[in-house]
Amino acid sequence: MKNVGTIDRVLRVVFGLTLIALVFIGPQTPWGWIGLILLLTAMVGFCPAYRLFGIRTCRIAPPQAGRS
């Protein structure tokens, strides 16, 4: 079940890549590896923290005809 919308996914990729770049360029702190979590949640489309807090940024698919 997905709970991360398209705009949210794009932002996660941008911020994730930025944080990972900070590991190699800039302050070079290990905090930049948090970017991997952002990239992973963007690729999968699911964020456990969103589920914990009941947040959903993706649209709910309309019911399909012929299914009960």
Protein backbone atom coordinates (compact mmCIF):
# COMPACT_ATOMS: atom_id res chain seq x y z
CA MET A 1 0.00 0.00 0.00
CA LYS A 2 1.46 3.31 -1.05
CA ASN A 3 1.18 6.46 1.03
CA VAL A 4 3.72 8.77 -0.66
CA GLY A 5 2.47 10.94 -3.53
CA THR A 6 4.27 12.06 -6.67
CA ILE A 7 5.35 15.51 -5.50
CA ASP A 8 6.46 14.05 -2.18
CA ARG A 9 8.52 11.41 -4.02
CA VAL A 10 10.27 14.01 -6.15
CA LEU A 11 11.13 16.08 -3.08
CA ARG A 12 12.44 13.00 -1.30
CA VAL A 13 14.75 12.19 -4.23
CA VAL A 14 16.06 15.77 -4.40
CA PHE A 15 16.67 16.05 -0.65
CA GLY A 16 18.00 12.50 -0.46
CA LEU A 17 20.59 13.11 -3.17
CA THR A 18 21.52 16.42 -1.54
CA LEU A 19 22.09 14.76 1.83
CA ILE A 20 24.14 11.97 0.26
CA ALA A 21 26.25 14.55 -1.59
CA LEU A 22 26.99 16.21 1.77
CA VAL A 23 28.69 13.00 2.89
CA PHE A 24 31.28 13.41 0.14
CA ILE A 25 31.32 17.19 -0.31
CA GLY A 26 30.92 19.77 2.43
CA PRO A 27 30.81 18.98 6.14
CA GLN A 28 31.27 15.22 5.51
CA THR A 29 29.18 14.12 8.46
CA PRO A 30 27.47 10.72 8.70
CA TRP A 31 24.07 12.43 8.97
CA GLY A 32 24.05 12.63 5.17
CA TRP A 33 23.36 8.90 4.99
CA ILE A 34 19.79 9.66 6.05
CA GLY A 35 19.40 10.52 2.38
CA LEU A 36 19.39 6.78 1.65
CA ILE A 37 16.21 6.41 3.67
CA LEU A 38 14.59 9.22 1.68
CA LEU A 39 15.62 7.60 -1.62
CA LEU A 40 14.37 4.20 -0.52
CA THR A 41 10.97 5.52 0.57
CA ALA A 42 10.68 7.47 -2.69
CA MET A 43 11.40 4.36 -4.78
CA VAL A 44 9.01 2.13 -2.84
CA GLY A 45 6.30 4.77 -2.41
CA PHE A 46 5.75 3.85 1.23
CA CYS A 47 6.86 5.70 4.37
CA PRO A 48 6.49 3.88 7.71
CA ALA A 49 6.42 7.21 9.60
CA TYR A 50 3.51 8.40 7.46
CA ARG A 51 1.58 5.26 8.34
CA LEU A 52 2.36 5.68 12.03
CA PHE A 53 0.96 9.24 12.00
CA GLY A 54 -1.88 8.53 9.55
CA ILE A 55 -0.49 10.77 6.79
CA ARG A 56 -1.14 10.02 3.12
CA THR A 57 0.10 12.28 0.31
CA CYS A 58 -0.95 10.11 -2.64
CA ARG A 59 -4.37 10.03 -4.16
CA ILE A 60 -6.69 7.18 -3.31
CA ALA A 61 -7.45 5.15 -6.43
CA PRO A 62 -11.13 5.22 -7.43
CA PRO A 63 -12.91 1.87 -7.23
CA GLN A 64 -12.69 -0.09 -10.47
CA ALA A 65 -15.84 -1.16 -12.27
CA GLY A 66 -16.70 -4.83 -11.97
CA ARG A 67 -14.94 -5.39 -8.66
CA SER A 68 -16.74 -5.83 -5.39
